Amino acid sequence: MHEVGRDEQWFGILRRKRLRSPDFPDLAALQRAIHQFIAEWNDIAHPFRWTPRSFDKILAKVDAALVTTTDIPADAA
């Protein structure tokens, strides 16, 4: 995976796992949440391995999205 893609993926996971609620009483609480996430991530992190099944799942999602977008009438946009 491209370096930028990995960074974007990691920050997306951080946002979903720790920064979902914007209710941090102060900057220190936000920093603690981020540091806690990093510590937990480092304990469980492993390289992503592509498998035929994961590739097939991605292709199925793309196909479904294409069907959905091609079903929209041209005058509806």
PDB file of N, CA and C in Angstrom:
ATOM      1  N   MET A   1       0.853  -1.172   0.000  1.00  0.00           N
ATOM      2  CA  MET A   1       0.000   0.000   0.000  1.00  0.00           C
ATOM      3  C   MET A   1       0.894   1.229   0.000  1.00  0.00           C
ATOM      4  N   HIS A   2       0.450   2.225  -0.680  1.00  0.00           N
ATOM      5  CA  HIS A   2       1.195   3.475  -0.749  1.00  0.00           C
ATOM      6  C   HIS A   2       1.303   4.093   0.638  1.00  0.00           C
ATOM      7  N   GLU A   3       2.394   4.766   0.909  1.00  0.00           N
ATOM      8  CA  GLU A   3       2.647   5.328   2.240  1.00  0.00           C
ATOM      9  C   GLU A   3       1.522   6.255   2.694  1.00  0.00           C
ATOM     10  N   VAL A   4       1.057   7.121   1.819  1.00  0.00           N
ATOM     11  CA  VAL A   4      -0.023   8.041   2.192  1.00  0.00           C
ATOM     12  C   VAL A   4      -1.285   7.252   2.515  1.00  0.00           C
ATOM     13  N   GLY A   5      -1.568   6.207   1.761  1.00  0.00           N
ATOM     14  CA  GLY A   5      -2.739   5.384   2.012  1.00  0.00           C
ATOM     15  C   GLY A   5      -2.700   4.746   3.386  1.00  0.00           C
ATOM     16  N   ARG A   6      -1.535   4.281   3.795  1.00  0.00           N
ATOM     17  CA  ARG A   6      -1.408   3.687   5.132  1.00  0.00           C
ATOM     18  C   ARG A   6      -1.648   4.730   6.206  1.00  0.00           C
ATOM     19  N   ASP A   7      -1.110   5.915   6.006  1.00  0.00           N
ATOM     20  CA  ASP A   7      -1.315   6.988   6.982  1.00  0.00           C
ATOM     21  C   ASP A   7      -2.791   7.347   7.080  1.00  0.00           C
ATOM     22  N   GLU A   8      -3.441   7.492   5.930  1.00  0.00           N
ATOM     23  CA  GLU A   8      -4.861   7.831   5.934  1.00  0.00           C
ATOM     24  C   GLU A   8      -5.674   6.736   6.613  1.00  0.00           C
ATOM     25  N   GLN A   9      -5.327   5.489   6.357  1.00  0.00           N
ATOM     26  CA  GLN A   9      -6.031   4.375   6.984  1.00  0.00           C
ATOM     27  C   GLN A   9      -5.854   4.424   8.502  1.00  0.00           C
ATOM     28  N   TRP A  10      -4.642   4.643   8.959  1.00  0.00           N
ATOM     29  CA  TRP A  10      -4.372   4.682  10.403  1.00  0.00           C
ATOM     30  C   TRP A  10      -5.151   5.813  11.068  1.00  0.00           C
ATOM     31  N   PHE A  11      -5.124   7.001  10.466  1.00  0.00           N
ATOM     32  CA  PHE A  11      -5.856   8.122  11.058  1.00  0.00           C
ATOM     33  C   PHE A  11      -7.362   7.884  11.009  1.00  0.00           C
ATOM     34  N   GLY A  12      -7.846   7.189   9.987  1.00  0.00           N
ATOM     35  CA  GLY A  12      -9.256   6.835   9.939  1.00  0.00           C
ATOM     36  C   GLY A  12      -9.635   5.906  11.079  1.00  0.00           C
ATOM     37  N   ILE A  13      -8.777   4.936  11.367  1.00  0.00           N
ATOM     38  CA  ILE A  13      -9.024   4.020  12.487  1.00  0.00           C
ATOM     39  C   ILE A  13      -8.975   4.785  13.803  1.00  0.00           C
ATOM     40  N   LEU A  14      -7.991   5.662  13.958  1.00  0.00           N
ATOM     41  CA  LEU A  14      -7.893   6.489  15.166  1.00  0.00           C
ATOM     42  C   LEU A  14      -9.184   7.287  15.356  1.00  0.00           C
ATOM     43  N   ARG A  15      -9.654   7.896  14.289  1.00  0.00           N
ATOM     44  CA  ARG A  15     -10.872   8.704  14.377  1.00  0.00           C
ATOM     45  C   ARG A  15     -12.070   7.844  14.787  1.00  0.00           C
ATOM     46  N   ARG A  16     -12.227   6.672  14.193  1.00  0.00           N
ATOM     47  CA  ARG A  16     -13.373   5.812  14.521  1.00  0.00           C
ATOM     48  C   ARG A  16     -13.290   5.235  15.924  1.00  0.00           C
ATOM     49  N   LYS A  17     -12.073   4.885  16.365  1.00  0.00           N
ATOM     50  CA  LYS A  17     -11.919   4.201  17.652  1.00  0.00           C
ATOM     51  C   LYS A  17     -11.824   5.156  18.841  1.00  0.00           C
ATOM     52  N   ARG A  18     -11.206   6.312  18.670  1.00  0.00           N
ATOM     53  CA  ARG A  18     -10.955   7.187  19.820  1.00  0.00           C
ATOM     54  C   ARG A  18     -11.516   8.597  19.686  1.00  0.00           C
ATOM     55  N   LEU A  19     -11.692   9.081  18.497  1.00  0.00           N
ATOM     56  CA  LEU A  19     -12.069  10.488  18.335  1.00  0.00           C
ATOM     57  C   LEU A  19     -13.500  10.642  17.835  1.00  0.00           C
ATOM     58  N   ARG A  20     -14.294   9.614  18.017  1.00  0.00           N
ATOM     59  CA  ARG A  20     -15.679   9.636  17.554  1.00  0.00           C
ATOM     60  C   ARG A  20     -16.457  10.760  18.243  1.00  0.00           C
ATOM     61  N   SER A  21     -16.283  10.877  19.518  1.00  0.00           N
ATOM     62  CA  SER A  21     -16.963  11.921  20.270  1.00  0.00           C
ATOM     63  C   SER A  21     -16.021  13.112  20.421  1.00  0.00           C
ATOM     64  N   PRO A  22     -16.467  14.278  20.003  1.00  0.00           N
ATOM     65  CA  PRO A  22     -15.588  15.455  20.113  1.00  0.00           C
ATOM     66  C   PRO A  22     -15.610  16.079  21.512  1.00  0.00           C
ATOM     67  N   ASP A  23     -16.116  15.356  22.486  1.00  0.00           N
ATOM     68  CA  ASP A  23     -16.268  15.902  23.836  1.00  0.00           C
ATOM     69  C   ASP A  23     -15.052  15.599  24.711  1.00  0.00           C
ATOM     70  N   PHE A  24     -13.976  16.294  24.468  1.00  0.00           N
ATOM     71  CA  PHE A  24     -12.801  16.192  25.323  1.00  0.00           C
ATOM     72  C   PHE A  24     -12.754  17.464  26.159  1.00  0.00           C
ATOM     73  N   PRO A  25     -12.658  17.303  27.465  1.00  0.00           N
ATOM     74  CA  PRO A  25     -12.714  18.495  28.316  1.00  0.00           C
ATOM     75  C   PRO A  25     -11.555  19.460  28.091  1.00  0.00           C
ATOM     76  N   ASP A  26     -10.417  18.922  27.649  1.00  0.00           N
ATOM     77  CA  ASP A  26      -9.273  19.785  27.395  1.00  0.00           C
ATOM     78  C   ASP A  26      -8.289  19.066  26.475  1.00  0.00           C
ATOM     79  N   LEU A  27      -7.267  19.785  26.092  1.00  0.00           N
ATOM     80  CA  LEU A  27      -6.260  19.237  25.184  1.00  0.00           C
ATOM     81  C   LEU A  27      -5.554  18.033  25.795  1.00  0.00           C
ATOM     82  N   ALA A  28      -5.308  18.055  27.088  1.00  0.00           N
ATOM     83  CA  ALA A  28      -4.626  16.942  27.755  1.00  0.00           C
ATOM     84  C   ALA A  28      -5.441  15.653  27.644  1.00  0.00           C
ATOM     85  N   ALA A  29      -6.765  15.749  27.748  1.00  0.00           N
ATOM     86  CA  ALA A  29      -7.626  14.563  27.626  1.00  0.00           C
ATOM     87  C   ALA A  29      -7.570  14.009  26.204  1.00  0.00           C
ATOM     88  N   LEU A  30      -7.545  14.880  25.222  1.00  0.00           N
ATOM     89  CA  LEU A  30      -7.405  14.453  23.828  1.00  0.00           C
ATOM     90  C   LEU A  30      -6.062  13.756  23.627  1.00  0.00           C
ATOM     91  N   GLN A  31      -5.009  14.347  24.151  1.00  0.00           N
ATOM     92  CA  GLN A  31      -3.670  13.752  24.022  1.00  0.00           C
ATOM     93  C   GLN A  31      -3.615  12.376  24.692  1.00  0.00           C
ATOM     94  N   ARG A  32      -4.232  12.235  25.861  1.00  0.00           N
ATOM     95  CA  ARG A  32      -4.248  10.933  26.542  1.00  0.00           C
ATOM     96  C   ARG A  32      -4.964   9.879  25.700  1.00  0.00           C
ATOM     97  N   ALA A  33      -6.084  10.268  25.107  1.00  0.00           N
ATOM     98  CA  ALA A  33      -6.834   9.326  24.273  1.00  0.00           C
ATOM     99  C   ALA A  33      -6.006   8.878  23.079  1.00  0.00           C
ATOM    100  N   ILE A  34      -5.303   9.804  22.458  1.00  0.00           N
ATOM    101  CA  ILE A  34      -4.463   9.465  21.302  1.00  0.00           C
ATOM    102  C   ILE A  34      -3.293   8.581  21.733  1.00  0.00           C
ATOM    103  N   HIS A  35      -2.634   8.920  22.826  1.00  0.00           N
ATOM    104  CA  HIS A  35      -1.506   8.111  23.306  1.00  0.00           C
ATOM    105  C   HIS A  35      -1.953   6.710  23.718  1.00  0.00           C
ATOM    106  N   GLN A  36      -3.130   6.607  24.320  1.00  0.00           N
ATOM    107  CA  GLN A  36      -3.650   5.294  24.693  1.00  0.00           C
ATOM    108  C   GLN A  36      -3.916   4.461  23.438  1.00  0.00           C
ATOM    109  N   PHE A  37      -4.494   5.086  22.424  1.00  0.00           N
ATOM    110  CA  PHE A  37      -4.745   4.380  21.176  1.00  0.00           C
ATOM    111  C   PHE A  37      -3.438   3.895  20.554  1.00  0.00           C
ATOM    112  N   ILE A  38      -2.422   4.753  20.530  1.00  0.00           N
ATOM    113  CA  ILE A  38      -1.136   4.374  19.944  1.00  0.00           C
ATOM    114  C   ILE A  38      -0.544   3.179  20.678  1.00  0.00           C
ATOM    115  N   ALA A  39      -0.596   3.184  21.998  1.00  0.00           N
ATOM    116  CA  ALA A  39      -0.061   2.068  22.785  1.00  0.00           C
ATOM    117  C   ALA A  39      -0.807   0.774  22.460  1.00  0.00           C
ATOM    118  N   GLU A  40      -2.140   0.847  22.398  1.00  0.00           N
ATOM    119  CA  GLU A  40      -2.930  -0.339  22.074  1.00  0.00           C
ATOM    120  C   GLU A  40      -2.669  -0.800  20.650  1.00  0.00           C
ATOM    121  N   TRP A  41      -2.575   0.146  19.733  1.00  0.00           N
ATOM    122  CA  TRP A  41      -2.314  -0.178  18.326  1.00  0.00           C
ATOM    123  C   TRP A  41      -0.976  -0.898  18.185  1.00  0.00           C
ATOM    124  N   ASN A  42       0.031  -0.411  18.866  1.00  0.00           N
ATOM    125  CA  ASN A  42       1.355  -1.022  18.763  1.00  0.00           C
ATOM    126  C   ASN A  42       1.369  -2.440  19.315  1.00  0.00           C
ATOM    127  N   ASP A  43       0.486  -2.740  20.268  1.00  0.00           N
ATOM    128  CA  ASP A  43       0.395  -4.097  20.800  1.00  0.00           C
ATOM    129  C   ASP A  43      -0.226  -5.072  19.808  1.00  0.00           C
ATOM    130  N   ILE A  44      -1.165  -4.597  18.987  1.00  0.00           N
ATOM    131  CA  ILE A  44      -1.890  -5.510  18.106  1.00  0.00           C
ATOM    132  C   ILE A  44      -1.595  -5.323  16.625  1.00  0.00           C
ATOM    133  N   ALA A  45      -0.806  -4.313  16.273  1.00  0.00           N
ATOM    134  CA  ALA A  45      -0.572  -4.003  14.859  1.00  0.00           C
ATOM    135  C   ALA A  45       0.102  -5.163  14.140  1.00  0.00           C
ATOM    136  N   HIS A  46      -0.338  -5.370  12.906  1.00  0.00           N
ATOM    137  CA  HIS A  46       0.263  -6.381  12.044  1.00  0.00           C
ATOM    138  C   HIS A  46       0.032  -5.960  10.595  1.00  0.00           C
ATOM    139  N   PRO A  47       0.878  -6.418   9.710  1.00  0.00           N
ATOM    140  CA  PRO A  47       0.708  -6.044   8.298  1.00  0.00           C
ATOM    141  C   PRO A  47      -0.594  -6.618   7.732  1.00  0.00           C
ATOM    142  N   PHE A  48      -1.201  -5.865   6.854  1.00  0.00           N
ATOM    143  CA  PHE A  48      -2.407  -6.346   6.195  1.00  0.00           C
ATOM    144  C   PHE A  48      -2.006  -7.334   5.112  1.00  0.00           C
ATOM    145  N   ARG A  49      -2.679  -8.455   5.071  1.00  0.00           N
ATOM    146  CA  ARG A  49      -2.393  -9.465   4.051  1.00  0.00           C
ATOM    147  C   ARG A  49      -3.607  -9.608   3.145  1.00  0.00           C
ATOM    148  N   TRP A  50      -3.370  -9.373   1.849  1.00  0.00           N
ATOM    149  CA  TRP A  50      -4.438  -9.558   0.875  1.00  0.00           C
ATOM    150  C   TRP A  50      -4.672 -11.045   0.670  1.00  0.00           C
ATOM    151  N   THR A  51      -5.919 -11.411   0.612  1.00  0.00           N
ATOM    152  CA  THR A  51      -6.295 -12.783   0.306  1.00  0.00           C
ATOM    153  C   THR A  51      -7.272 -12.746  -0.860  1.00  0.00           C
ATOM    154  N   PRO A  52      -7.452 -13.857  -1.550  1.00  0.00           N
ATOM    155  CA  PRO A  52      -8.464 -13.857  -2.624  1.00  0.00           C
ATOM    156  C   PRO A  52      -9.846 -13.465  -2.096  1.00  0.00           C
ATOM    157  N   ARG A  53     -10.167 -13.863  -0.876  1.00  0.00           N
ATOM    158  CA  ARG A  53     -11.472 -13.534  -0.312  1.00  0.00           C
ATOM    159  C   ARG A  53     -11.605 -12.022  -0.080  1.00  0.00           C
ATOM    160  N   SER A  54     -10.553 -11.379   0.474  1.00  0.00           N
ATOM    161  CA  SER A  54     -10.646  -9.936   0.717  1.00  0.00           C
ATOM    162  C   SER A  54     -10.750  -9.186  -0.610  1.00  0.00           C
ATOM    163  N   PHE A  55     -10.041  -9.647  -1.615  1.00  0.00           N
ATOM    164  CA  PHE A  55     -10.097  -9.018  -2.933  1.00  0.00           C
ATOM    165  C   PHE A  55     -11.489  -9.185  -3.526  1.00  0.00           C
ATOM    166  N   ASP A  56     -12.074 -10.374  -3.399  1.00  0.00           N
ATOM    167  CA  ASP A  56     -13.424 -10.626  -3.912  1.00  0.00           C
ATOM    168  C   ASP A  56     -14.453  -9.750  -3.207  1.00  0.00           C
ATOM    169  N   LYS A  57     -14.287  -9.527  -1.901  1.00  0.00           N
ATOM    170  CA  LYS A  57     -15.212  -8.675  -1.157  1.00  0.00           C
ATOM    171  C   LYS A  57     -15.151  -7.238  -1.672  1.00  0.00           C
ATOM    172  N   ILE A  58     -13.952  -6.765  -1.957  1.00  0.00           N
ATOM    173  CA  ILE A  58     -13.793  -5.402  -2.474  1.00  0.00           C
ATOM    174  C   ILE A  58     -14.448  -5.282  -3.845  1.00  0.00           C
ATOM    175  N   LEU A  59     -14.199  -6.271  -4.708  1.00  0.00           N
ATOM    176  CA  LEU A  59     -14.805  -6.233  -6.039  1.00  0.00           C
ATOM    177  C   LEU A  59     -16.331  -6.276  -5.964  1.00  0.00           C
ATOM    178  N   ALA A  60     -16.874  -7.052  -5.038  1.00  0.00           N
ATOM    179  CA  ALA A  60     -18.327  -7.120  -4.878  1.00  0.00           C
ATOM    180  C   ALA A  60     -18.882  -5.757  -4.467  1.00  0.00           C
ATOM    181  N   LYS A  61     -18.182  -5.053  -3.580  1.00  0.00           N
ATOM    182  CA  LYS A  61     -18.630  -3.725  -3.155  1.00  0.00           C
ATOM    183  C   LYS A  61     -18.578  -2.736  -4.319  1.00  0.00           C
ATOM    184  N   VAL A  62     -17.529  -2.831  -5.127  1.00  0.00           N
ATOM    185  CA  VAL A  62     -17.418  -1.950  -6.293  1.00  0.00           C
ATOM    186  C   VAL A  62     -18.552  -2.240  -7.265  1.00  0.00           C
ATOM    187  N   ASP A  63     -18.798  -3.526  -7.527  1.00  0.00           N
ATOM    188  CA  ASP A  63     -19.891  -3.893  -8.434  1.00  0.00           C
ATOM    189  C   ASP A  63     -21.232  -3.377  -7.918  1.00  0.00           C
ATOM    190  N   ALA A  64     -21.475  -3.517  -6.619  1.00  0.00           N
ATOM    191  CA  ALA A  64     -22.731  -3.044  -6.033  1.00  0.00           C
ATOM    192  C   ALA A  64     -22.847  -1.524  -6.167  1.00  0.00           C
ATOM    193  N   ALA A  65     -21.762  -0.824  -5.952  1.00  0.00           N
ATOM    194  CA  ALA A  65     -21.781   0.636  -6.073  1.00  0.00           C
ATOM    195  C   ALA A  65     -22.039   1.048  -7.518  1.00  0.00           C
ATOM    196  N   LEU A  66     -21.459   0.333  -8.461  1.00  0.00           N
ATOM    197  CA  LEU A  66     -21.673   0.657  -9.873  1.00  0.00           C
ATOM    198  C   LEU A  66     -23.125   0.423 -10.273  1.00  0.00           C
ATOM    199  N   VAL A  67     -23.703  -0.647  -9.793  1.00  0.00           N
ATOM    200  CA  VAL A  67     -25.114  -0.931 -10.090  1.00  0.00           C
ATOM    201  C   VAL A  67     -25.988   0.165  -9.507  1.00  0.00           C
ATOM    202  N   THR A  68     -25.702   0.575  -8.283  1.00  0.00           N
ATOM    203  CA  THR A  68     -26.493   1.612  -7.616  1.00  0.00           C
ATOM    204  C   THR A  68     -26.405   2.926  -8.369  1.00  0.00           C
ATOM    205  N   THR A  69     -25.212   3.308  -8.782  1.00  0.00           N
ATOM    206  CA  THR A  69     -25.053   4.600  -9.453  1.00  0.00           C
ATOM    207  C   THR A  69     -25.574   4.565 -10.875  1.00  0.00           C
ATOM    208  N   THR A  70     -25.556   3.415 -11.534  1.00  0.00           N
ATOM    209  CA  THR A  70     -26.084   3.359 -12.903  1.00  0.00           C
ATOM    210  C   THR A  70     -27.593   3.248 -12.924  1.00  0.00           C
ATOM    211  N   ASP A  71     -28.229   2.931 -11.783  1.00  0.00           N
ATOM    212  CA  ASP A  71     -29.682   2.843 -11.712  1.00  0.00           C
ATOM    213  C   ASP A  71     -30.347   4.200 -11.512  1.00  0.00           C
ATOM    214  N   ILE A  72     -29.565   5.231 -11.267  1.00  0.00           N
ATOM    215  CA  ILE A  72     -30.108   6.569 -11.043  1.00  0.00           C
ATOM    216  C   ILE A  72     -30.438   7.193 -12.392  1.00  0.00           C
ATOM    217  N   PRO A  73     -31.693   7.625 -12.587  1.00  0.00           N
ATOM    218  CA  PRO A  73     -32.048   8.256 -13.862  1.00  0.00           C
ATOM    219  C   PRO A  73     -31.245   9.537 -14.083  1.00  0.00           C
ATOM    220  N   ALA A  74     -30.912   9.814 -15.320  1.00  0.00           N
ATOM    221  CA  ALA A  74     -30.079  10.975 -15.648  1.00  0.00           C
ATOM    222  C   ALA A  74     -30.747  12.287 -15.233  1.00  0.00           C
ATOM    223  N   ASP A  75     -32.069  12.380 -15.320  1.00  0.00           N
ATOM    224  CA  ASP A  75     -32.749  13.610 -14.955  1.00  0.00           C
ATOM    225  C   ASP A  75     -32.933  13.805 -13.474  1.00  0.00           C
ATOM    226  N   ALA A  76     -32.542  12.797 -12.663  1.00  0.00           N
ATOM    227  CA  ALA A  76     -32.662  12.892 -11.200  1.00  0.00           C
ATOM    228  C   ALA A  76     -31.500  13.661 -10.578  1.00  0.00           C
ATOM    229  N   ALA A  77     -30.437  13.825 -11.307  1.00  0.00           N
ATOM    230  CA  ALA A  77     -29.249  14.477 -10.756  1.00  0.00           C
ATOM    231  C   ALA A  77     -29.398  15.974 -10.717  1.00  0.00           C
TER     232      ALA A  77
END
